[in-house]
Amino acid sequence: MRSIKNLSAAPLRVPLPGGKTLHLGPGESGSIRDEAAEHPALHKLAEAGTLEVGASTPGTGVAQAGSGRGPGGGYAHGKSSAPRKSGDR
């Protein structure tokens, strides 16, 4: 994975291979695949000085945050096993 950073004062649309687009706000950074760093449109933005492409960082390619489950709920966020009555709102 490579990191990229928007150096301009305006939001930036970064075209990526496969018709995908990465949206970066002013001063924000993101990460792209190593193969995407070779995209010609990305090189144009880097040469113009609007985008900075960082070095490749080693990684597993798998997100490490979270346990893979959805957002946790609380006590009151489950379905009740009791049937609702028509006036129970």
N, C-alpha and C. Protein backbone atom coordinates (compact mmCIF):
# COMPACT_ATOMS: atom_id res chain seq x y z
N MET A 1 0.83 -1.17 0.00
CA MET A 1 0.00 0.00 0.00
C MET A 1 0.89 1.24 0.00
N ARG A 2 0.41 2.25 -0.70
CA ARG A 2 1.11 3.53 -0.73
C ARG A 2 0.21 4.61 -0.19
N SER A 3 0.80 5.57 0.44
CA SER A 3 0.02 6.69 0.96
C SER A 3 0.10 7.84 -0.03
N ILE A 4 -1.01 8.56 -0.18
CA ILE A 4 -1.03 9.74 -1.02
C ILE A 4 -1.62 10.88 -0.20
N LYS A 5 -1.17 12.11 -0.49
CA LYS A 5 -1.64 13.27 0.26
C LYS A 5 -1.97 14.40 -0.70
N ASN A 6 -3.11 15.04 -0.45
CA ASN A 6 -3.54 16.19 -1.22
C ASN A 6 -2.79 17.41 -0.71
N LEU A 7 -1.98 18.03 -1.55
CA LEU A 7 -1.19 19.19 -1.16
C LEU A 7 -1.87 20.50 -1.52
N SER A 8 -2.99 20.44 -2.23
CA SER A 8 -3.68 21.66 -2.65
C SER A 8 -4.66 22.12 -1.57
N ALA A 9 -5.19 23.33 -1.78
CA ALA A 9 -6.15 23.90 -0.84
C ALA A 9 -7.59 23.59 -1.25
N ALA A 10 -7.76 22.76 -2.25
CA ALA A 10 -9.10 22.41 -2.75
C ALA A 10 -9.30 20.90 -2.67
N PRO A 11 -10.55 20.45 -2.61
CA PRO A 11 -10.81 19.01 -2.66
C PRO A 11 -10.31 18.45 -3.99
N LEU A 12 -9.90 17.20 -3.96
CA LEU A 12 -9.28 16.60 -5.13
C LEU A 12 -9.92 15.26 -5.45
N ARG A 13 -10.16 15.03 -6.72
CA ARG A 13 -10.62 13.72 -7.20
C ARG A 13 -9.43 13.03 -7.84
N VAL A 14 -9.06 11.89 -7.28
CA VAL A 14 -7.90 11.16 -7.78
C VAL A 14 -8.40 9.97 -8.59
N PRO A 15 -8.19 9.98 -9.91
CA PRO A 15 -8.63 8.84 -10.73
C PRO A 15 -7.72 7.64 -10.50
N LEU A 16 -8.35 6.47 -10.36
CA LEU A 16 -7.62 5.23 -10.13
C LEU A 16 -7.97 4.23 -11.22
N PRO A 17 -7.18 3.20 -11.39
CA PRO A 17 -7.49 2.18 -12.40
C PRO A 17 -8.83 1.51 -12.12
N GLY A 18 -9.46 1.03 -13.17
CA GLY A 18 -10.73 0.34 -13.02
C GLY A 18 -11.91 1.30 -12.93
N GLY A 19 -11.70 2.56 -13.29
CA GLY A 19 -12.78 3.54 -13.24
C GLY A 19 -13.12 4.01 -11.85
N LYS A 20 -12.28 3.74 -10.87
CA LYS A 20 -12.54 4.16 -9.49
C LYS A 20 -11.95 5.53 -9.24
N THR A 21 -12.47 6.21 -8.21
CA THR A 21 -12.03 7.55 -7.87
C THR A 21 -11.86 7.65 -6.36
N LEU A 22 -10.78 8.28 -5.94
CA LEU A 22 -10.55 8.55 -4.52
C LEU A 22 -10.73 10.04 -4.30
N HIS A 23 -11.59 10.41 -3.36
CA HIS A 23 -11.86 11.81 -3.05
C HIS A 23 -11.04 12.20 -1.82
N LEU A 24 -10.23 13.23 -1.98
CA LEU A 24 -9.40 13.71 -0.87
C LEU A 24 -9.68 15.18 -0.63
N GLY A 25 -9.96 15.54 0.61
CA GLY A 25 -10.15 16.93 0.97
C GLY A 25 -8.81 17.63 1.07
N PRO A 26 -8.82 18.94 1.27
CA PRO A 26 -7.56 19.69 1.39
C PRO A 26 -6.71 19.18 2.55
N GLY A 27 -5.48 18.81 2.26
CA GLY A 27 -4.56 18.34 3.29
C GLY A 27 -4.79 16.92 3.76
N GLU A 28 -5.81 16.24 3.24
CA GLU A 28 -6.10 14.86 3.68
C GLU A 28 -5.20 13.87 2.95
N SER A 29 -5.09 12.69 3.54
CA SER A 29 -4.30 11.63 2.92
C SER A 29 -5.13 10.36 2.85
N GLY A 30 -4.69 9.45 2.02
CA GLY A 30 -5.36 8.17 1.85
C GLY A 30 -4.35 7.14 1.42
N SER A 31 -4.80 5.90 1.22
CA SER A 31 -3.90 4.86 0.75
C SER A 31 -4.45 4.19 -0.49
N ILE A 32 -3.55 3.82 -1.35
CA ILE A 32 -3.90 3.15 -2.59
C ILE A 32 -3.01 1.93 -2.75
N ARG A 33 -3.42 1.04 -3.62
CA ARG A 33 -2.61 -0.15 -3.90
C ARG A 33 -1.37 0.24 -4.68
N ASP A 34 -0.34 -0.57 -4.58
CA ASP A 34 0.91 -0.30 -5.29
C ASP A 34 0.71 -0.25 -6.80
N GLU A 35 -0.18 -1.09 -7.32
CA GLU A 35 -0.43 -1.13 -8.76
C GLU A 35 -1.10 0.18 -9.22
N ALA A 36 -1.93 0.78 -8.37
CA ALA A 36 -2.63 2.00 -8.73
C ALA A 36 -1.67 3.19 -8.80
N ALA A 37 -0.54 3.10 -8.13
CA ALA A 37 0.42 4.21 -8.13
C ALA A 37 1.05 4.40 -9.50
N GLU A 38 0.95 3.42 -10.37
CA GLU A 38 1.52 3.51 -11.71
C GLU A 38 0.53 4.08 -12.72
N HIS A 39 -0.65 4.47 -12.28
CA HIS A 39 -1.69 4.99 -13.18
C HIS A 39 -1.24 6.33 -13.76
N PRO A 40 -1.37 6.53 -15.09
CA PRO A 40 -0.88 7.77 -15.72
C PRO A 40 -1.52 9.05 -15.17
N ALA A 41 -2.81 9.01 -14.88
CA ALA A 41 -3.48 10.20 -14.36
C ALA A 41 -2.94 10.58 -12.98
N LEU A 42 -2.55 9.59 -12.21
CA LEU A 42 -1.98 9.84 -10.89
C LEU A 42 -0.60 10.50 -11.02
N HIS A 43 0.16 10.07 -12.04
CA HIS A 43 1.47 10.67 -12.29
C HIS A 43 1.33 12.14 -12.68
N LYS A 44 0.29 12.47 -13.46
CA LYS A 44 0.08 13.87 -13.85
C LYS A 44 -0.17 14.75 -12.64
N LEU A 45 -0.99 14.27 -11.71
CA LEU A 45 -1.27 15.05 -10.49
C LEU A 45 -0.02 15.21 -9.64
N ALA A 46 0.79 14.17 -9.58
CA ALA A 46 2.02 14.23 -8.79
C ALA A 46 3.03 15.19 -9.41
N GLU A 47 3.13 15.18 -10.74
CA GLU A 47 4.06 16.08 -11.42
C GLU A 47 3.61 17.53 -11.30
N ALA A 48 2.30 17.76 -11.23
CA ALA A 48 1.77 19.12 -11.10
C ALA A 48 1.97 19.67 -9.68
N GLY A 49 2.27 18.81 -8.73
CA GLY A 49 2.51 19.25 -7.37
C GLY A 49 1.27 19.29 -6.50
N THR A 50 0.15 18.78 -7.02
CA THR A 50 -1.08 18.77 -6.22
C THR A 50 -1.19 17.54 -5.35
N LEU A 51 -0.42 16.53 -5.65
CA LEU A 51 -0.53 15.25 -4.96
C LEU A 51 0.85 14.74 -4.63
N GLU A 52 1.00 14.17 -3.45
CA GLU A 52 2.27 13.57 -3.04
C GLU A 52 2.06 12.09 -2.85
N VAL A 53 2.85 11.28 -3.54
CA VAL A 53 2.75 9.83 -3.43
C VAL A 53 3.89 9.35 -2.55
N GLY A 54 3.54 8.68 -1.44
CA GLY A 54 4.54 8.19 -0.50
C GLY A 54 5.11 6.85 -0.93
N ALA A 55 6.05 6.37 -0.16
CA ALA A 55 6.70 5.10 -0.43
C ALA A 55 5.78 3.94 -0.07
N SER A 56 6.10 2.81 -0.61
CA SER A 56 5.32 1.60 -0.35
C SER A 56 5.55 1.14 1.09
N THR A 57 4.45 0.81 1.78
CA THR A 57 4.55 0.33 3.15
C THR A 57 4.14 -1.13 3.19
N PRO A 58 4.89 -1.96 3.87
CA PRO A 58 4.53 -3.37 3.94
C PRO A 58 3.27 -3.57 4.77
N GLY A 59 2.45 -4.50 4.36
CA GLY A 59 1.22 -4.79 5.09
C GLY A 59 0.65 -6.13 4.66
N THR A 60 -0.35 -6.57 5.37
CA THR A 60 -0.94 -7.86 5.04
C THR A 60 -2.04 -7.73 4.01
N GLY A 61 -2.55 -6.52 3.81
CA GLY A 61 -3.64 -6.34 2.87
C GLY A 61 -5.00 -6.61 3.49
N VAL A 62 -5.03 -6.94 4.76
CA VAL A 62 -6.27 -7.23 5.45
C VAL A 62 -6.45 -6.18 6.54
N ALA A 63 -7.64 -5.64 6.63
CA ALA A 63 -7.91 -4.63 7.66
C ALA A 63 -7.81 -5.27 9.03
N GLN A 64 -7.17 -4.59 9.94
CA GLN A 64 -6.95 -5.12 11.28
C GLN A 64 -7.92 -4.57 12.30
N ALA A 65 -8.65 -3.52 11.96
CA ALA A 65 -9.53 -2.87 12.93
C ALA A 65 -10.82 -3.66 13.08
N GLY A 66 -11.23 -3.88 14.29
CA GLY A 66 -12.51 -4.53 14.56
C GLY A 66 -12.42 -6.03 14.46
N SER A 67 -13.51 -6.66 14.80
CA SER A 67 -13.55 -8.11 14.78
C SER A 67 -14.27 -8.65 13.56
N GLY A 68 -14.65 -7.77 12.62
CA GLY A 68 -15.34 -8.22 11.43
C GLY A 68 -16.85 -8.24 11.61
N ARG A 69 -17.31 -7.93 12.79
CA ARG A 69 -18.74 -7.90 13.04
C ARG A 69 -19.25 -6.48 12.86
N GLY A 70 -20.53 -6.34 12.74
CA GLY A 70 -21.14 -5.03 12.56
C GLY A 70 -21.04 -4.20 13.82
N PRO A 71 -21.63 -3.02 13.79
CA PRO A 71 -21.57 -2.16 14.97
C PRO A 71 -22.31 -2.79 16.14
N GLY A 72 -21.75 -2.66 17.30
CA GLY A 72 -22.34 -3.26 18.48
C GLY A 72 -23.61 -2.56 18.91
N GLY A 73 -24.51 -3.29 19.44
CA GLY A 73 -25.75 -2.70 19.92
C GLY A 73 -25.77 -2.73 21.43
N GLY A 74 -26.75 -2.10 21.98
CA GLY A 74 -26.89 -2.07 23.42
C GLY A 74 -28.03 -2.96 23.86
N TYR A 75 -28.42 -2.78 25.10
CA TYR A 75 -29.48 -3.60 25.68
C TYR A 75 -30.81 -3.40 24.95
N ALA A 76 -31.10 -2.18 24.56
CA ALA A 76 -32.41 -1.88 23.98
C ALA A 76 -32.44 -2.00 22.46
N HIS A 77 -31.40 -2.49 21.86
CA HIS A 77 -31.35 -2.51 20.40
C HIS A 77 -31.60 -3.87 19.79
N GLY A 78 -32.19 -4.77 20.50
CA GLY A 78 -32.48 -6.07 19.94
C GLY A 78 -33.97 -6.24 19.70
N LYS A 79 -34.32 -7.29 19.00
CA LYS A 79 -35.73 -7.57 18.80
C LYS A 79 -36.29 -8.21 20.06
N SER A 80 -37.48 -7.85 20.36
CA SER A 80 -38.14 -8.42 21.52
C SER A 80 -38.79 -9.74 21.11
N SER A 81 -38.80 -10.70 22.02
CA SER A 81 -39.45 -11.97 21.71
C SER A 81 -40.95 -11.91 21.97
N ALA A 82 -41.39 -10.86 22.64
CA ALA A 82 -42.82 -10.73 22.94
C ALA A 82 -43.53 -10.08 21.75
N PRO A 83 -44.71 -10.56 21.40
CA PRO A 83 -45.44 -9.95 20.28
C PRO A 83 -45.95 -8.57 20.67
N ARG A 84 -45.95 -7.67 19.69
CA ARG A 84 -46.46 -6.31 19.94
C ARG A 84 -47.96 -6.27 19.86
N LYS A 85 -48.53 -5.49 20.68
CA LYS A 85 -49.97 -5.27 20.62
C LYS A 85 -50.23 -4.07 19.74
N SER A 86 -51.40 -3.93 19.23
CA SER A 86 -51.70 -2.86 18.29
C SER A 86 -51.55 -1.47 18.89
N GLY A 87 -51.77 -1.31 20.16
CA GLY A 87 -51.66 0.01 20.78
C GLY A 87 -50.33 0.27 21.43
N ASP A 88 -49.39 -0.66 21.35
CA ASP A 88 -48.07 -0.55 22.00
C ASP A 88 -47.11 0.20 21.09
N ARG A 89 -47.00 1.50 21.28
CA ARG A 89 -46.12 2.28 20.41
C ARG A 89 -45.22 3.13 21.19
